[in-house]
Amino acid sequence: MYVGKIVEKASTKDLFNEPLHPYTQGLFKSRPEIKISGRLESIRGVVPSPYEVTEGCSFAPRCDFATSLCRSKSPKLIRLDGREVSCWRYADRGEI
């Protein structure tokens, strides 16, 4: 979930092996690993207030893949290979 909206639904195995949504990917990149030392990655920007009404995808201001469509229209959950993701990057590969 991101700002109170579901951005990805998948089995635990699928989610850990191949996260699809850029927010989920960012979360996994920012987790510490025992074997690796050094600085953790972070997701740029700040989480918007849940009371702030925005146009488009609420993650778009922090997303490296955001397009003008992302900034203007909020994506619905797209069914894709037994999972669901709310991201325009997958709109042509799944069904709404």
PDB file of N, CA and C in Angstrom:
ATOM      1  N   MET A   1       0.841  -1.186   0.000  1.00  0.00           N
ATOM      2  CA  MET A   1       0.000   0.000   0.000  1.00  0.00           C
ATOM      3  C   MET A   1       0.879   1.240   0.000  1.00  0.00           C
ATOM      4  N   TYR A   2       0.368   2.263  -0.662  1.00  0.00           N
ATOM      5  CA  TYR A   2       1.037   3.556  -0.681  1.00  0.00           C
ATOM      6  C   TYR A   2      -0.030   4.624  -0.562  1.00  0.00           C
ATOM      7  N   VAL A   3       0.066   5.464   0.430  1.00  0.00           N
ATOM      8  CA  VAL A   3      -0.893   6.528   0.725  1.00  0.00           C
ATOM      9  C   VAL A   3      -2.320   5.972   0.763  1.00  0.00           C
ATOM     10  N   GLY A   4      -2.476   4.831   1.411  1.00  0.00           N
ATOM     11  CA  GLY A   4      -3.791   4.243   1.609  1.00  0.00           C
ATOM     12  C   GLY A   4      -4.375   3.511   0.411  1.00  0.00           C
ATOM     13  N   LYS A   5      -3.606   3.359  -0.654  1.00  0.00           N
ATOM     14  CA  LYS A   5      -4.090   2.661  -1.852  1.00  0.00           C
ATOM     15  C   LYS A   5      -3.229   1.421  -2.110  1.00  0.00           C
ATOM     16  N   ILE A   6      -3.882   0.354  -2.523  1.00  0.00           N
ATOM     17  CA  ILE A   6      -3.148  -0.860  -2.869  1.00  0.00           C
ATOM     18  C   ILE A   6      -2.412  -0.619  -4.186  1.00  0.00           C
ATOM     19  N   VAL A   7      -1.113  -0.846  -4.178  1.00  0.00           N
ATOM     20  CA  VAL A   7      -0.329  -0.684  -5.403  1.00  0.00           C
ATOM     21  C   VAL A   7       0.111  -2.017  -5.989  1.00  0.00           C
ATOM     22  N   GLU A   8       0.093  -3.076  -5.146  1.00  0.00           N
ATOM     23  CA  GLU A   8       0.477  -4.382  -5.661  1.00  0.00           C
ATOM     24  C   GLU A   8      -0.078  -5.485  -4.771  1.00  0.00           C
ATOM     25  N   LYS A   9      -0.622  -6.517  -5.425  1.00  0.00           N
ATOM     26  CA  LYS A   9      -1.090  -7.731  -4.737  1.00  0.00           C
ATOM     27  C   LYS A   9      -0.435  -8.913  -5.433  1.00  0.00           C
ATOM     28  N   ALA A  10       0.205  -9.763  -4.633  1.00  0.00           N
ATOM     29  CA  ALA A  10       0.873 -10.936  -5.212  1.00  0.00           C
ATOM     30  C   ALA A  10       1.131 -11.933  -4.096  1.00  0.00           C
ATOM     31  N   SER A  11       1.428 -13.152  -4.488  1.00  0.00           N
ATOM     32  CA  SER A  11       1.837 -14.129  -3.487  1.00  0.00           C
ATOM     33  C   SER A  11       3.163 -13.650  -2.895  1.00  0.00           C
ATOM     34  N   THR A  12       3.469 -14.115  -1.715  1.00  0.00           N
ATOM     35  CA  THR A  12       4.727 -13.731  -1.063  1.00  0.00           C
ATOM     36  C   THR A  12       5.908 -14.081  -1.961  1.00  0.00           C
ATOM     37  N   LYS A  13       5.873 -15.270  -2.535  1.00  0.00           N
ATOM     38  CA  LYS A  13       6.967 -15.720  -3.405  1.00  0.00           C
ATOM     39  C   LYS A  13       7.144 -14.775  -4.598  1.00  0.00           C
ATOM     40  N   ASP A  14       6.034 -14.468  -5.293  1.00  0.00           N
ATOM     41  CA  ASP A  14       6.118 -13.577  -6.455  1.00  0.00           C
ATOM     42  C   ASP A  14       6.586 -12.179  -6.060  1.00  0.00           C
ATOM     43  N   LEU A  15       6.060 -11.683  -4.945  1.00  0.00           N
ATOM     44  CA  LEU A  15       6.401 -10.332  -4.507  1.00  0.00           C
ATOM     45  C   LEU A  15       7.894 -10.224  -4.183  1.00  0.00           C
ATOM     46  N   PHE A  16       8.435 -11.208  -3.473  1.00  0.00           N
ATOM     47  CA  PHE A  16       9.847 -11.163  -3.111  1.00  0.00           C
ATOM     48  C   PHE A  16      10.761 -11.457  -4.300  1.00  0.00           C
ATOM     49  N   ASN A  17      10.332 -12.329  -5.211  1.00  0.00           N
ATOM     50  CA  ASN A  17      11.170 -12.681  -6.367  1.00  0.00           C
ATOM     51  C   ASN A  17      11.149 -11.621  -7.456  1.00  0.00           C
ATOM     52  N   GLU A  18       9.994 -10.983  -7.659  1.00  0.00           N
ATOM     53  CA  GLU A  18       9.879 -10.005  -8.746  1.00  0.00           C
ATOM     54  C   GLU A  18       8.822  -8.951  -8.415  1.00  0.00           C
ATOM     55  N   PRO A  19       9.169  -7.982  -7.586  1.00  0.00           N
ATOM     56  CA  PRO A  19       8.208  -6.912  -7.325  1.00  0.00           C
ATOM     57  C   PRO A  19       8.002  -6.097  -8.606  1.00  0.00           C
ATOM     58  N   LEU A  20       6.748  -5.739  -8.892  1.00  0.00           N
ATOM     59  CA  LEU A  20       6.451  -5.021 -10.129  1.00  0.00           C
ATOM     60  C   LEU A  20       6.330  -3.515  -9.947  1.00  0.00           C
ATOM     61  N   HIS A  21       5.635  -3.087  -8.914  1.00  0.00           N
ATOM     62  CA  HIS A  21       5.390  -1.653  -8.739  1.00  0.00           C
ATOM     63  C   HIS A  21       6.683  -0.948  -8.319  1.00  0.00           C
ATOM     64  N   PRO A  22       6.947   0.237  -8.871  1.00  0.00           N
ATOM     65  CA  PRO A  22       8.167   0.965  -8.505  1.00  0.00           C
ATOM     66  C   PRO A  22       8.289   1.222  -6.994  1.00  0.00           C
ATOM     67  N   TYR A  23       7.183   1.410  -6.286  1.00  0.00           N
ATOM     68  CA  TYR A  23       7.254   1.607  -4.840  1.00  0.00           C
ATOM     69  C   TYR A  23       7.715   0.319  -4.151  1.00  0.00           C
ATOM     70  N   THR A  24       7.156  -0.806  -4.536  1.00  0.00           N
ATOM     71  CA  THR A  24       7.554  -2.090  -3.955  1.00  0.00           C
ATOM     72  C   THR A  24       9.032  -2.353  -4.257  1.00  0.00           C
ATOM     73  N   GLN A  25       9.453  -2.069  -5.466  1.00  0.00           N
ATOM     74  CA  GLN A  25      10.853  -2.247  -5.835  1.00  0.00           C
ATOM     75  C   GLN A  25      11.748  -1.380  -4.950  1.00  0.00           C
ATOM     76  N   GLY A  26      11.330  -0.137  -4.731  1.00  0.00           N
ATOM     77  CA  GLY A  26      12.100   0.774  -3.882  1.00  0.00           C
ATOM     78  C   GLY A  26      12.189   0.278  -2.451  1.00  0.00           C
ATOM     79  N   LEU A  27      11.096  -0.275  -1.932  1.00  0.00           N
ATOM     80  CA  LEU A  27      11.108  -0.816  -0.566  1.00  0.00           C
ATOM     81  C   LEU A  27      12.118  -1.953  -0.442  1.00  0.00           C
ATOM     82  N   PHE A  28      12.120  -2.847  -1.412  1.00  0.00           N
ATOM     83  CA  PHE A  28      13.050  -3.969  -1.357  1.00  0.00           C
ATOM     84  C   PHE A  28      14.501  -3.522  -1.501  1.00  0.00           C
ATOM     85  N   LYS A  29      14.755  -2.493  -2.290  1.00  0.00           N
ATOM     86  CA  LYS A  29      16.118  -1.981  -2.438  1.00  0.00           C
ATOM     87  C   LYS A  29      16.611  -1.293  -1.167  1.00  0.00           C
ATOM     88  N   SER A  30      15.685  -0.815  -0.346  1.00  0.00           N
ATOM     89  CA  SER A  30      16.086  -0.065   0.843  1.00  0.00           C
ATOM     90  C   SER A  30      16.233  -0.922   2.100  1.00  0.00           C
ATOM     91  N   ARG A  31      15.968  -2.208   1.991  1.00  0.00           N
ATOM     92  CA  ARG A  31      16.091  -3.060   3.179  1.00  0.00           C
ATOM     93  C   ARG A  31      17.551  -3.433   3.409  1.00  0.00           C
ATOM     94  N   PRO A  32      17.937  -3.489   4.657  1.00  0.00           N
ATOM     95  CA  PRO A  32      19.330  -3.854   4.951  1.00  0.00           C
ATOM     96  C   PRO A  32      19.579  -5.338   4.720  1.00  0.00           C
ATOM     97  N   GLU A  33      20.780  -5.662   4.340  1.00  0.00           N
ATOM     98  CA  GLU A  33      21.187  -7.056   4.173  1.00  0.00           C
ATOM     99  C   GLU A  33      22.387  -7.310   5.068  1.00  0.00           C
ATOM    100  N   ILE A  34      22.431  -8.459   5.693  1.00  0.00           N
ATOM    101  CA  ILE A  34      23.483  -8.781   6.642  1.00  0.00           C
ATOM    102  C   ILE A  34      24.855  -8.795   5.967  1.00  0.00           C
ATOM    103  N   LYS A  35      24.947  -9.313   4.766  1.00  0.00           N
ATOM    104  CA  LYS A  35      26.231  -9.487   4.087  1.00  0.00           C
ATOM    105  C   LYS A  35      26.796  -8.176   3.526  1.00  0.00           C
ATOM    106  N   ILE A  36      25.943  -7.213   3.276  1.00  0.00           N
ATOM    107  CA  ILE A  36      26.374  -5.988   2.613  1.00  0.00           C
ATOM    108  C   ILE A  36      26.436  -4.852   3.634  1.00  0.00           C
ATOM    109  N   SER A  37      27.561  -4.153   3.655  1.00  0.00           N
ATOM    110  CA  SER A  37      27.660  -2.990   4.530  1.00  0.00           C
ATOM    111  C   SER A  37      27.646  -1.738   3.662  1.00  0.00           C
ATOM    112  N   GLY A  38      27.413  -0.643   4.268  1.00  0.00           N
ATOM    113  CA  GLY A  38      27.397   0.609   3.527  1.00  0.00           C
ATOM    114  C   GLY A  38      26.041   1.277   3.609  1.00  0.00           C
ATOM    115  N   ARG A  39      25.869   2.241   2.788  1.00  0.00           N
ATOM    116  CA  ARG A  39      24.675   3.074   2.803  1.00  0.00           C
ATOM    117  C   ARG A  39      23.492   2.362   2.151  1.00  0.00           C
ATOM    118  N   LEU A  40      22.330   2.465   2.775  1.00  0.00           N
ATOM    119  CA  LEU A  40      21.109   1.893   2.208  1.00  0.00           C
ATOM    120  C   LEU A  40      20.558   2.815   1.130  1.00  0.00           C
ATOM    121  N   GLU A  41      19.910   2.233   0.138  1.00  0.00           N
ATOM    122  CA  GLU A  41      19.218   3.038  -0.864  1.00  0.00           C
ATOM    123  C   GLU A  41      17.943   3.583  -0.244  1.00  0.00           C
ATOM    124  N   SER A  42      17.467   4.691  -0.762  1.00  0.00           N
ATOM    125  CA  SER A  42      16.207   5.238  -0.282  1.00  0.00           C
ATOM    126  C   SER A  42      15.365   5.666  -1.477  1.00  0.00           C
ATOM    127  N   ILE A  43      14.092   5.836  -1.229  1.00  0.00           N
ATOM    128  CA  ILE A  43      13.174   6.325  -2.259  1.00  0.00           C
ATOM    129  C   ILE A  43      13.189   7.843  -2.159  1.00  0.00           C
ATOM    130  N   ARG A  44      13.506   8.502  -3.248  1.00  0.00           N
ATOM    131  CA  ARG A  44      13.620   9.963  -3.214  1.00  0.00           C
ATOM    132  C   ARG A  44      12.279  10.614  -2.909  1.00  0.00           C
ATOM    133  N   GLY A  45      12.324  11.843  -2.441  1.00  0.00           N
ATOM    134  CA  GLY A  45      11.108  12.596  -2.162  1.00  0.00           C
ATOM    135  C   GLY A  45      10.511  12.251  -0.810  1.00  0.00           C
ATOM    136  N   VAL A  46       9.296  12.739  -0.604  1.00  0.00           N
ATOM    137  CA  VAL A  46       8.600  12.508   0.661  1.00  0.00           C
ATOM    138  C   VAL A  46       7.209  11.945   0.392  1.00  0.00           C
ATOM    139  N   VAL A  47       6.701  11.199   1.352  1.00  0.00           N
ATOM    140  CA  VAL A  47       5.354  10.639   1.245  1.00  0.00           C
ATOM    141  C   VAL A  47       4.360  11.788   1.373  1.00  0.00           C
ATOM    142  N   PRO A  48       3.404  11.904   0.446  1.00  0.00           N
ATOM    143  CA  PRO A  48       2.425  12.980   0.564  1.00  0.00           C
ATOM    144  C   PRO A  48       1.447  12.716   1.713  1.00  0.00           C
ATOM    145  N   SER A  49       0.843  13.756   2.192  1.00  0.00           N
ATOM    146  CA  SER A  49      -0.175  13.621   3.230  1.00  0.00           C
ATOM    147  C   SER A  49      -1.363  12.850   2.665  1.00  0.00           C
ATOM    148  N   PRO A  50      -1.950  11.948   3.449  1.00  0.00           N
ATOM    149  CA  PRO A  50      -3.134  11.234   2.962  1.00  0.00           C
ATOM    150  C   PRO A  50      -4.327  12.166   2.758  1.00  0.00           C
ATOM    151  N   TYR A  51      -4.241  13.373   3.303  1.00  0.00           N
ATOM    152  CA  TYR A  51      -5.330  14.351   3.147  1.00  0.00           C
ATOM    153  C   TYR A  51      -5.146  15.211   1.907  1.00  0.00           C
ATOM    154  N   GLU A  52      -3.972  15.114   1.298  1.00  0.00           N
ATOM    155  CA  GLU A  52      -3.673  15.897   0.106  1.00  0.00           C
ATOM    156  C   GLU A  52      -4.304  15.230  -1.113  1.00  0.00           C
ATOM    157  N   VAL A  53      -5.128  15.945  -1.815  1.00  0.00           N
ATOM    158  CA  VAL A  53      -5.758  15.412  -3.021  1.00  0.00           C
ATOM    159  C   VAL A  53      -4.851  15.734  -4.205  1.00  0.00           C
ATOM    160  N   THR A  54      -4.420  14.673  -4.896  1.00  0.00           N
ATOM    161  CA  THR A  54      -3.537  14.869  -6.038  1.00  0.00           C
ATOM    162  C   THR A  54      -4.154  14.244  -7.279  1.00  0.00           C
ATOM    163  N   GLU A  55      -3.753  14.767  -8.414  1.00  0.00           N
ATOM    164  CA  GLU A  55      -4.168  14.166  -9.680  1.00  0.00           C
ATOM    165  C   GLU A  55      -3.183  13.067 -10.020  1.00  0.00           C
ATOM    166  N   GLY A  56      -3.661  12.039 -10.649  1.00  0.00           N
ATOM    167  CA  GLY A  56      -2.786  10.987 -11.123  1.00  0.00           C
ATOM    168  C   GLY A  56      -2.343  10.038 -10.037  1.00  0.00           C
ATOM    169  N   CYS A  57      -1.309   9.298 -10.327  1.00  0.00           N
ATOM    170  CA  CYS A  57      -0.746   8.313  -9.407  1.00  0.00           C
ATOM    171  C   CYS A  57      -0.082   9.037  -8.236  1.00  0.00           C
ATOM    172  N   SER A  58      -0.406   8.635  -7.022  1.00  0.00           N
ATOM    173  CA  SER A  58       0.159   9.306  -5.851  1.00  0.00           C
ATOM    174  C   SER A  58       1.666   9.061  -5.706  1.00  0.00           C
ATOM    175  N   PHE A  59       2.193   8.029  -6.351  1.00  0.00           N
ATOM    176  CA  PHE A  59       3.629   7.760  -6.287  1.00  0.00           C
ATOM    177  C   PHE A  59       4.408   8.481  -7.398  1.00  0.00           C
ATOM    178  N   ALA A  60       3.728   9.054  -8.373  1.00  0.00           N
ATOM    179  CA  ALA A  60       4.386   9.671  -9.530  1.00  0.00           C
ATOM    180  C   ALA A  60       5.480  10.680  -9.171  1.00  0.00           C
ATOM    181  N   PRO A  61       5.288  11.552  -8.168  1.00  0.00           N
ATOM    182  CA  PRO A  61       6.361  12.514  -7.860  1.00  0.00           C
ATOM    183  C   PRO A  61       7.660  11.857  -7.381  1.00  0.00           C
ATOM    184  N   ARG A  62       7.604  10.628  -6.933  1.00  0.00           N
ATOM    185  CA  ARG A  62       8.779   9.927  -6.408  1.00  0.00           C
ATOM    186  C   ARG A  62       9.276   8.838  -7.358  1.00  0.00           C
ATOM    187  N   CYS A  63       8.575   8.631  -8.461  1.00  0.00           N
ATOM    188  CA  CYS A  63       8.838   7.506  -9.357  1.00  0.00           C
ATOM    189  C   CYS A  63       9.777   7.880 -10.495  1.00  0.00           C
ATOM    190  N   ASP A  64      10.792   7.055 -10.715  1.00  0.00           N
ATOM    191  CA  ASP A  64      11.743   7.276 -11.809  1.00  0.00           C
ATOM    192  C   ASP A  64      11.147   6.967 -13.177  1.00  0.00           C
ATOM    193  N   PHE A  65       9.998   6.278 -13.204  1.00  0.00           N
ATOM    194  CA  PHE A  65       9.388   5.869 -14.470  1.00  0.00           C
ATOM    195  C   PHE A  65       8.149   6.700 -14.825  1.00  0.00           C
ATOM    196  N   ALA A  66       7.809   7.689 -14.015  1.00  0.00           N
ATOM    197  CA  ALA A  66       6.571   8.455 -14.205  1.00  0.00           C
ATOM    198  C   ALA A  66       6.551   9.188 -15.542  1.00  0.00           C
ATOM    199  N   THR A  67       5.371   9.162 -16.159  1.00  0.00           N
ATOM    200  CA  THR A  67       5.143   9.861 -17.422  1.00  0.00           C
ATOM    201  C   THR A  67       4.038  10.895 -17.201  1.00  0.00           C
ATOM    202  N   SER A  68       3.699  11.621 -18.241  1.00  0.00           N
ATOM    203  CA  SER A  68       2.609  12.602 -18.121  1.00  0.00           C
ATOM    204  C   SER A  68       1.288  11.902 -17.799  1.00  0.00           C
ATOM    205  N   LEU A  69       1.093  10.680 -18.294  1.00  0.00           N
ATOM    206  CA  LEU A  69      -0.112   9.913 -17.974  1.00  0.00           C
ATOM    207  C   LEU A  69      -0.172   9.628 -16.475  1.00  0.00           C
ATOM    208  N   CYS A  70       0.944   9.236 -15.899  1.00  0.00           N
ATOM    209  CA  CYS A  70       1.010   8.939 -14.461  1.00  0.00           C
ATOM    210  C   CYS A  70       0.635  10.161 -13.635  1.00  0.00           C
ATOM    211  N   ARG A  71       1.061  11.336 -14.093  1.00  0.00           N
ATOM    212  CA  ARG A  71       0.800  12.568 -13.347  1.00  0.00           C
ATOM    213  C   ARG A  71      -0.622  13.091 -13.533  1.00  0.00           C
ATOM    214  N   SER A  72      -1.322  12.582 -14.533  1.00  0.00           N
ATOM    215  CA  SER A  72      -2.659  13.116 -14.806  1.00  0.00           C
ATOM    216  C   SER A  72      -3.801  12.148 -14.500  1.00  0.00           C
ATOM    217  N   LYS A  73      -3.532  10.849 -14.515  1.00  0.00           N
ATOM    218  CA  LYS A  73      -4.606   9.870 -14.320  1.00  0.00           C
ATOM    219  C   LYS A  73      -4.142   8.746 -13.401  1.00  0.00           C
ATOM    220  N   SER A  74      -4.931   8.470 -12.373  1.00  0.00           N
ATOM    221  CA  SER A  74      -4.595   7.422 -11.417  1.00  0.00           C
ATOM    222  C   SER A  74      -4.856   6.046 -12.024  1.00  0.00           C
ATOM    223  N   PRO A  75      -3.877   5.139 -11.956  1.00  0.00           N
ATOM    224  CA  PRO A  75      -4.079   3.808 -12.532  1.00  0.00           C
ATOM    225  C   PRO A  75      -4.966   2.940 -11.646  1.00  0.00           C
ATOM    226  N   LYS A  76      -5.699   2.048 -12.258  1.00  0.00           N
ATOM    227  CA  LYS A  76      -6.489   1.039 -11.544  1.00  0.00           C
ATOM    228  C   LYS A  76      -5.606  -0.188 -11.347  1.00  0.00           C
ATOM    229  N   LEU A  77      -6.058  -1.111 -10.506  1.00  0.00           N
ATOM    230  CA  LEU A  77      -5.332  -2.380 -10.365  1.00  0.00           C
ATOM    231  C   LEU A  77      -5.473  -3.172 -11.662  1.00  0.00           C
ATOM    232  N   ILE A  78      -4.349  -3.617 -12.190  1.00  0.00           N
ATOM    233  CA  ILE A  78      -4.306  -4.373 -13.434  1.00  0.00           C
ATOM    234  C   ILE A  78      -3.967  -5.817 -13.095  1.00  0.00           C
ATOM    235  N   ARG A  79      -4.778  -6.759 -13.577  1.00  0.00           N
ATOM    236  CA  ARG A  79      -4.508  -8.184 -13.359  1.00  0.00           C
ATOM    237  C   ARG A  79      -3.451  -8.635 -14.360  1.00  0.00           C
ATOM    238  N   LEU A  80      -2.408  -9.249 -13.831  1.00  0.00           N
ATOM    239  CA  LEU A  80      -1.277  -9.625 -14.660  1.00  0.00           C
ATOM    240  C   LEU A  80      -0.652 -10.904 -14.108  1.00  0.00           C
ATOM    241  N   ASP A  81      -0.817 -11.996 -14.813  1.00  0.00           N
ATOM    242  CA  ASP A  81      -0.179 -13.263 -14.438  1.00  0.00           C
ATOM    243  C   ASP A  81      -0.451 -13.672 -12.983  1.00  0.00           C
ATOM    244  N   GLY A  82      -1.704 -13.646 -12.563  1.00  0.00           N
ATOM    245  CA  GLY A  82      -2.067 -14.098 -11.228  1.00  0.00           C
ATOM    246  C   GLY A  82      -1.769 -13.114 -10.112  1.00  0.00           C
ATOM    247  N   ARG A  83      -1.469 -11.899 -10.461  1.00  0.00           N
ATOM    248  CA  ARG A  83      -1.203 -10.860  -9.469  1.00  0.00           C
ATOM    249  C   ARG A  83      -1.851  -9.573  -9.915  1.00  0.00           C
ATOM    250  N   GLU A  84      -1.771  -8.535  -9.138  1.00  0.00           N
ATOM    251  CA  GLU A  84      -2.350  -7.247  -9.501  1.00  0.00           C
ATOM    252  C   GLU A  84      -1.356  -6.147  -9.190  1.00  0.00           C
ATOM    253  N   VAL A  85      -1.297  -5.154 -10.071  1.00  0.00           N
ATOM    254  CA  VAL A  85      -0.406  -4.016  -9.883  1.00  0.00           C
ATOM    255  C   VAL A  85      -1.103  -2.758 -10.384  1.00  0.00           C
ATOM    256  N   SER A  86      -0.927  -1.683  -9.662  1.00  0.00           N
ATOM    257  CA  SER A  86      -1.536  -0.409 -10.021  1.00  0.00           C
ATOM    258  C   SER A  86      -0.449   0.507 -10.586  1.00  0.00           C
ATOM    259  N   CYS A  87      -0.128   0.293 -11.862  1.00  0.00           N
ATOM    260  CA  CYS A  87       0.940   1.069 -12.505  1.00  0.00           C
ATOM    261  C   CYS A  87       0.703   1.084 -14.015  1.00  0.00           C
ATOM    262  N   TRP A  88       0.797   2.271 -14.603  1.00  0.00           N
ATOM    263  CA  TRP A  88       0.584   2.399 -16.046  1.00  0.00           C
ATOM    264  C   TRP A  88       1.619   1.646 -16.863  1.00  0.00           C
ATOM    265  N   ARG A  89       2.775   1.334 -16.292  1.00  0.00           N
ATOM    266  CA  ARG A  89       3.806   0.601 -17.035  1.00  0.00           C
ATOM    267  C   ARG A  89       3.301  -0.758 -17.514  1.00  0.00           C
ATOM    268  N   TYR A  90       2.286  -1.300 -16.842  1.00  0.00           N
ATOM    269  CA  TYR A  90       1.796  -2.648 -17.152  1.00  0.00           C
ATOM    270  C   TYR A  90       0.425  -2.650 -17.814  1.00  0.00           C
ATOM    271  N   ALA A  91      -0.108  -1.490 -18.129  1.00  0.00           N
ATOM    272  CA  ALA A  91      -1.472  -1.389 -18.673  1.00  0.00           C
ATOM    273  C   ALA A  91      -1.653  -2.159 -19.971  1.00  0.00           C
ATOM    274  N   ASP A  92      -0.638  -2.201 -20.810  1.00  0.00           N
ATOM    275  CA  ASP A  92      -0.767  -2.892 -22.095  1.00  0.00           C
ATOM    276  C   ASP A  92      -0.511  -4.401 -21.981  1.00  0.00           C
ATOM    277  N   ARG A  93      -0.093  -4.860 -20.795  1.00  0.00           N
ATOM    278  CA  ARG A  93       0.208  -6.293 -20.602  1.00  0.00           C
ATOM    279  C   ARG A  93      -0.832  -7.037 -19.796  1.00  0.00           C
ATOM    280  N   GLY A  94      -1.790  -6.345 -19.215  1.00  0.00           N
ATOM    281  CA  GLY A  94      -2.775  -7.002 -18.357  1.00  0.00           C
ATOM    282  C   GLY A  94      -4.178  -6.547 -18.644  1.00  0.00           C
ATOM    283  N   GLU A  95      -5.094  -6.924 -17.758  1.00  0.00           N
ATOM    284  CA  GLU A  95      -6.474  -6.501 -17.921  1.00  0.00           C
ATOM    285  C   GLU A  95      -6.937  -5.777 -16.663  1.00  0.00           C
ATOM    286  N   ILE A  96      -7.740  -4.762 -16.874  1.00  0.00           N
ATOM    287  CA  ILE A  96      -8.231  -3.937 -15.773  1.00  0.00           C
ATOM    288  C   ILE A  96      -9.485  -4.526 -15.199  1.00  0.00           C
TER     289      ILE A  96
END
